[in-house]
Amino acid sequence: MEITGYTRMAAVIATPIKHSLSPFIHNLAFKETGENGVYLAWEVNEKDLIQVLHNIRSLNMYGVNLSMPYKSLAMWFPENLSERAKLIGAINTIVNEDGKLTGHNTDGIGFFKSLEDENFFPEDKVITILGGGGAALAIITEAALKKAKKINVFARKSPSYNLLAKKIQTLSSLIGTEIQLFDLNDQNLLNGLLNESQLFINATSVGMDGSSIPINDDIQIESNLLVADVIYKSKVTPLLRWADSQNLRRVNGLGMLVYQAAESFKLWTGKDMPVKLIKDELSKKLY
């Protein structure tokens, strides 16, 4: 697309962010849909965050994406928040509608959209997830909204464990889905609950190095379990290699990355991102 005086802008704000694949995804989407837009990555210090967010209005931007560490810090800036964003307590997208800003969180939506490609739907399913960070909470919230039967959450007993327990209790009460938190050190309990589950998710960064695995690799699975890892930089993470050893279906985080971006793109432009094309091109670029 030729950049003109009518070209609108979107951006992702985080620190660090220069490694981001979001510009590749969104600029290809702008090109393929004929939308006169451009997407940039802005590495922003926390002291400059509010000043930079004011650019959304002053530059008539589509909006912005937010990544670490600003998903919670920036949620107080928009006038409005989606119901999902309120439940999760974080936003990854701000949408500008004629100067009125709304904060959204598309992470959980994108995750379960990616599982539709595997013919998996969370309704009435038992789901076990590792992690209590932003990605995990978005996925837990979306699973509950999509009427999962039960959600087992495993996290390490860090200083934030009790806060996570309160957050999960609140989510469970507000949405009406059974959500329980367990200590990740209890691998025997994890093994037992995995054999009652239909979906197992790693929503931690363990495995990003290509060698670490977030569970004991001697855990044995007897159920028909789908294993999902939110990590996308490796085509097959250590957890997914373990899934292969158990003859389980598995999926990495590439689909989540593209589908959460597609949700943001639709909110900004009203257009559907060509997900399959972009996923294929991104796979070539990464792997």
Protein backbone atom coordinates (compact mmCIF):
# COMPACT_ATOMS: atom_id res chain seq x y z
CA MET A 1 0.00 0.00 0.00
CA GLU A 2 1.21 3.48 -0.83
CA ILE A 3 1.47 5.71 2.24
CA THR A 4 -0.52 8.91 1.65
CA GLY A 5 -1.98 11.77 3.62
CA TYR A 6 -4.98 9.53 4.29
CA THR A 7 -2.99 6.65 5.76
CA ARG A 8 -3.97 5.84 9.35
CA MET A 9 -1.69 4.34 11.92
CA ALA A 10 -1.78 1.64 14.59
CA ALA A 11 1.06 0.54 16.85
CA VAL A 12 2.08 -1.86 19.56
CA ILE A 13 3.44 -0.34 22.78
CA ALA A 14 5.72 -2.27 25.12
CA THR A 15 9.28 -2.56 26.35
CA PRO A 16 11.10 -4.36 24.89
CA ILE A 17 9.19 -4.62 21.60
CA LYS A 18 11.62 -4.31 18.66
CA HIS A 19 11.47 -8.12 18.23
CA SER A 20 7.67 -8.04 17.79
CA LEU A 21 5.99 -9.91 14.93
CA SER A 22 2.90 -7.70 15.16
CA PRO A 23 4.09 -5.24 12.48
CA PHE A 24 4.57 -8.15 10.06
CA ILE A 25 1.08 -9.48 10.82
CA HIS A 26 -0.85 -6.22 10.66
CA ASN A 27 0.97 -4.63 7.73
CA LEU A 28 0.36 -7.79 5.68
CA ALA A 29 -3.30 -7.64 6.75
CA PHE A 30 -3.54 -3.97 5.68
CA LYS A 31 -2.06 -4.88 2.30
CA GLU A 32 -4.23 -7.95 1.71
CA THR A 33 -7.48 -6.21 2.71
CA GLY A 34 -6.74 -2.96 0.85
CA GLU A 35 -6.92 -0.96 4.07
CA ASN A 36 -4.91 2.28 3.94
CA GLY A 37 -3.06 1.74 7.20
CA VAL A 38 0.39 1.20 8.66
CA TYR A 39 1.45 -0.51 11.87
CA LEU A 40 4.56 0.28 13.93
CA ALA A 41 6.26 -0.98 17.10
CA TRP A 42 6.92 1.66 19.76
CA GLU A 43 9.33 0.90 22.58
CA VAL A 44 8.13 3.21 25.35
CA ASN A 45 9.44 3.88 28.86
CA GLU A 46 6.85 3.76 31.62
CA LYS A 47 7.31 7.48 32.40
CA ASP A 48 6.27 8.29 28.81
CA LEU A 49 3.33 5.87 28.57
CA ILE A 50 0.47 8.30 29.21
CA GLN A 51 1.94 10.93 26.89
CA VAL A 52 2.26 8.33 24.12
CA LEU A 53 -1.30 7.07 24.65
CA HIS A 54 -2.60 10.60 24.08
CA ASN A 55 -1.29 10.20 20.51
CA ILE A 56 -4.15 7.80 19.80
CA ARG A 57 -6.53 10.75 19.73
CA SER A 58 -4.22 13.52 18.59
CA LEU A 59 -2.99 11.50 15.56
CA ASN A 60 -6.41 9.96 14.84
CA MET A 61 -4.95 6.47 15.08
CA TYR A 62 -6.97 3.28 14.72
CA GLY A 63 -5.71 2.48 18.21
CA VAL A 64 -2.87 0.50 19.76
CA ASN A 65 -1.94 -2.91 21.02
CA LEU A 66 -0.30 -3.24 24.41
CA SER A 67 2.18 -5.85 25.58
CA MET A 68 4.31 -6.31 28.68
CA PRO A 69 4.52 -4.49 31.00
CA TYR A 70 1.61 -2.21 30.07
CA LYS A 71 -1.47 -4.45 29.82
CA SER A 72 -2.57 -3.56 33.34
CA LEU A 73 -0.97 -0.13 33.66
CA ALA A 74 -2.72 1.21 30.55
CA MET A 75 -6.19 -0.12 31.31
CA TRP A 76 -7.00 3.02 33.30
CA PHE A 77 -6.50 5.27 30.25
CA PRO A 78 -9.54 4.51 28.01
CA GLU A 79 -12.94 5.89 28.98
CA ASN A 80 -14.55 2.49 28.47
CA LEU A 81 -13.58 -1.14 28.97
CA SER A 82 -15.12 -4.25 27.47
CA GLU A 83 -16.66 -6.72 29.89
CA ARG A 84 -13.83 -9.19 29.19
CA ALA A 85 -11.21 -6.54 29.97
CA LYS A 86 -12.93 -5.77 33.28
CA LEU A 87 -13.00 -9.44 34.25
CA ILE A 88 -9.38 -10.08 33.24
CA GLY A 89 -8.01 -6.85 34.71
CA ALA A 90 -5.84 -6.10 31.67
CA ILE A 91 -6.13 -4.85 28.10
CA ASN A 92 -4.10 -5.62 24.99
CA THR A 93 -6.04 -3.40 22.57
CA ILE A 94 -7.33 0.17 22.60
CA VAL A 95 -9.82 1.16 19.90
CA ASN A 96 -10.35 4.77 18.81
CA GLU A 97 -13.90 5.51 17.65
CA ASP A 98 -14.05 9.23 16.80
CA GLY A 99 -11.94 10.12 19.82
CA LYS A 100 -13.73 7.77 22.20
CA LEU A 101 -11.34 5.09 23.46
CA THR A 102 -12.31 1.58 24.54
CA GLY A 103 -9.98 -1.01 26.04
CA HIS A 104 -10.34 -4.67 25.00
CA ASN A 105 -8.56 -7.92 25.69
CA THR A 106 -8.40 -10.27 22.69
CA ASP A 107 -5.92 -12.83 24.06
CA GLY A 108 -8.43 -15.38 25.31
CA ILE A 109 -10.68 -14.97 22.28
CA GLY A 110 -7.69 -15.49 20.00
CA PHE A 111 -6.58 -18.58 21.89
CA PHE A 112 -9.89 -20.40 21.57
CA LYS A 113 -10.35 -19.25 17.95
CA SER A 114 -7.07 -21.02 17.22
CA LEU A 115 -8.38 -24.22 18.82
CA GLU A 116 -11.42 -24.19 16.53
CA ASP A 117 -8.93 -25.14 13.80
CA GLU A 118 -8.34 -28.29 15.88
CA ASN A 119 -12.12 -28.81 16.21
CA PHE A 120 -11.92 -28.10 19.94
CA PHE A 121 -14.62 -26.10 21.74
CA PRO A 122 -14.45 -25.48 25.53
CA GLU A 123 -18.13 -25.83 26.41
CA ASP A 124 -18.68 -28.62 28.99
CA LYS A 125 -14.97 -29.52 28.90
CA VAL A 126 -12.54 -29.90 31.80
CA ILE A 127 -9.51 -27.69 31.23
CA THR A 128 -6.18 -27.69 33.08
CA ILE A 129 -3.86 -24.70 32.69
CA LEU A 130 -0.39 -23.84 33.96
CA GLY A 131 0.29 -20.23 34.95
CA GLY A 132 -1.33 -17.23 36.56
CA GLY A 133 -0.02 -14.32 34.47
CA GLY A 134 -1.83 -12.14 31.96
CA ALA A 135 -2.13 -14.75 29.19
CA ALA A 136 -3.34 -17.38 31.65
CA LEU A 137 -6.00 -15.09 33.15
CA ALA A 138 -7.28 -14.13 29.69
CA ILE A 139 -7.58 -17.80 28.72
CA ILE A 140 -9.16 -18.80 32.05
CA THR A 141 -11.71 -15.98 31.74
CA GLU A 142 -12.58 -16.89 28.15
CA ALA A 143 -12.90 -20.59 29.02
CA ALA A 144 -15.32 -19.69 31.82
CA LEU A 145 -17.33 -17.36 29.54
CA LYS A 146 -17.52 -20.18 26.99
CA LYS A 147 -19.03 -22.43 29.67
CA ALA A 148 -16.19 -24.80 30.40
CA LYS A 149 -17.31 -27.44 32.91
CA LYS A 150 -14.32 -26.98 35.23
CA ILE A 151 -10.96 -25.17 35.10
CA ASN A 152 -7.95 -26.43 37.06
CA VAL A 153 -5.22 -23.82 37.45
CA PHE A 154 -1.71 -24.80 38.53
CA ALA A 155 0.82 -22.14 39.57
CA ARG A 156 3.99 -21.99 41.64
CA LYS A 157 3.65 -20.70 45.20
CA SER A 158 5.29 -17.36 44.52
CA PRO A 159 4.54 -14.15 46.49
CA SER A 160 1.65 -13.50 44.06
CA TYR A 161 0.00 -16.91 44.65
CA ASN A 162 -2.51 -15.63 47.22
CA LEU A 163 -3.48 -12.70 44.99
CA LEU A 164 -4.02 -15.15 42.14
CA ALA A 165 -6.20 -17.29 44.40
CA LYS A 166 -8.42 -14.28 45.18
CA LYS A 167 -8.62 -13.32 41.50
CA ILE A 168 -9.64 -16.85 40.52
CA GLN A 169 -12.22 -17.01 43.31
CA THR A 170 -13.71 -13.73 42.09
CA LEU A 171 -13.81 -14.91 38.47
CA SER A 172 -15.44 -18.17 39.49
CA SER A 173 -18.11 -16.32 41.48
CA LEU A 174 -18.82 -13.69 38.79
CA ILE A 175 -19.03 -16.09 35.85
CA GLY A 176 -20.42 -19.13 37.65
CA THR A 177 -17.82 -21.67 36.50
CA GLU A 178 -15.86 -23.89 38.88
CA ILE A 179 -12.25 -22.66 38.87
CA GLN A 180 -9.72 -24.04 41.36
CA LEU A 181 -6.09 -23.15 42.04
CA PHE A 182 -3.47 -25.79 42.89
CA ASP A 183 0.23 -25.83 43.69
CA LEU A 184 2.27 -26.75 40.61
CA ASN A 185 4.72 -28.63 42.83
CA ASP A 186 2.03 -31.28 43.37
CA GLN A 187 2.75 -33.18 40.17
CA ASN A 188 0.83 -36.27 41.30
CA LEU A 189 -2.33 -34.19 41.60
CA LEU A 190 -1.57 -32.61 38.22
CA ASN A 191 -1.22 -36.06 36.64
CA GLY A 192 -4.56 -37.15 38.09
CA LEU A 193 -6.42 -34.04 36.95
CA LEU A 194 -4.88 -34.20 33.47
CA ASN A 195 -6.40 -37.64 33.06
CA GLU A 196 -9.81 -36.08 33.76
CA SER A 197 -9.20 -33.17 31.33
CA GLN A 198 -9.80 -32.65 27.63
CA LEU A 199 -7.45 -29.65 27.26
CA PHE A 200 -4.05 -28.93 28.84
CA ILE A 201 -2.51 -25.48 28.38
CA ASN A 202 0.94 -24.13 29.17
CA ALA A 203 0.41 -20.38 29.65
CA THR A 204 3.84 -19.83 31.23
CA SER A 205 7.12 -18.88 29.55
CA VAL A 206 8.74 -22.17 30.59
CA GLY A 207 9.97 -23.78 27.38
CA MET A 208 10.86 -20.52 25.65
CA ASP A 209 14.52 -21.56 25.91
CA GLY A 210 13.83 -24.71 23.90
CA SER A 211 14.84 -27.08 26.68
CA SER A 212 12.82 -26.40 29.86
CA ILE A 213 9.55 -28.23 30.47
CA PRO A 214 6.96 -27.01 33.00
CA ILE A 215 5.93 -30.50 34.19
CA ASN A 216 7.63 -33.76 35.11
CA ASP A 217 8.16 -35.50 31.79
CA ASP A 218 7.30 -38.88 33.33
CA ILE A 219 3.64 -37.88 33.73
CA GLN A 220 1.50 -40.46 31.92
CA ILE A 221 -1.74 -39.60 30.14
CA GLU A 222 -4.52 -42.09 29.50
CA SER A 223 -7.18 -39.65 28.26
CA ASN A 224 -7.84 -38.05 24.86
CA LEU A 225 -6.07 -34.80 25.73
CA LEU A 226 -5.29 -31.81 23.50
CA VAL A 227 -2.05 -30.11 24.60
CA ALA A 228 -1.61 -26.41 23.81
CA ASP A 229 1.44 -24.24 24.43
CA VAL A 230 1.11 -20.45 24.12
CA ILE A 231 4.80 -20.26 23.11
CA TYR A 232 5.11 -19.74 19.35
CA LYS A 233 8.80 -19.06 18.72
CA SER A 234 9.51 -22.80 18.62
CA LYS A 235 7.39 -24.93 16.31
CA VAL A 236 7.63 -27.82 18.79
CA THR A 237 8.32 -26.80 22.41
CA PRO A 238 9.59 -29.27 25.06
CA LEU A 239 6.01 -29.68 26.33
CA LEU A 240 4.80 -30.48 22.81
CA ARG A 241 7.59 -33.04 22.41
CA TRP A 242 6.29 -34.63 25.61
CA ALA A 243 2.79 -34.61 24.06
CA ASP A 244 4.22 -36.44 21.03
CA SER A 245 5.71 -39.08 23.33
CA GLN A 246 2.20 -39.63 24.76
CA ASN A 247 0.60 -39.74 21.27
CA LEU A 248 -1.50 -36.68 22.10
CA ARG A 249 -2.78 -33.98 19.78
CA ARG A 250 -0.88 -30.75 20.24
CA VAL A 251 -0.75 -27.14 19.05
CA ASN A 252 1.71 -24.28 19.64
CA GLY A 253 0.98 -20.58 20.15
CA LEU A 254 1.22 -19.39 16.55
CA GLY A 255 -2.54 -19.60 16.03
CA MET A 256 -3.23 -17.63 19.21
CA LEU A 257 -0.78 -14.93 18.08
CA VAL A 258 -2.53 -14.49 14.74
CA TYR A 259 -6.11 -14.83 15.94
CA GLN A 260 -5.72 -12.32 18.79
CA ALA A 261 -4.27 -9.91 16.23
CA ALA A 262 -7.22 -10.64 13.92
CA GLU A 263 -9.63 -9.65 16.69
CA SER A 264 -7.81 -6.33 17.16
CA PHE A 265 -7.72 -5.74 13.40
CA LYS A 266 -11.49 -6.32 13.14
CA LEU A 267 -12.16 -3.91 16.01
CA TRP A 268 -10.06 -1.20 14.30
CA THR A 269 -11.08 -1.63 10.65
CA GLY A 270 -14.29 -3.66 10.60
CA LYS A 271 -12.50 -6.07 8.24
CA ASP A 272 -11.63 -9.74 8.60
CA MET A 273 -7.93 -10.48 8.68
CA PRO A 274 -6.92 -13.20 6.16
CA VAL A 275 -5.84 -15.48 9.00
CA LYS A 276 -4.84 -18.57 7.02
CA LEU A 277 -2.63 -16.61 4.62
CA ILE A 278 -0.95 -14.69 7.43
CA LYS A 279 -0.49 -17.79 9.56
CA ASP A 280 1.17 -19.56 6.60
CA GLU A 281 3.47 -16.59 5.88
CA LEU A 282 4.35 -16.22 9.56
CA SER A 283 5.12 -19.93 9.80
CA LYS A 284 7.56 -19.60 6.87
CA LYS A 285 9.17 -16.59 8.52
CA LEU A 286 9.54 -18.27 11.93
CA TYR A 287 10.25 -21.88 11.13
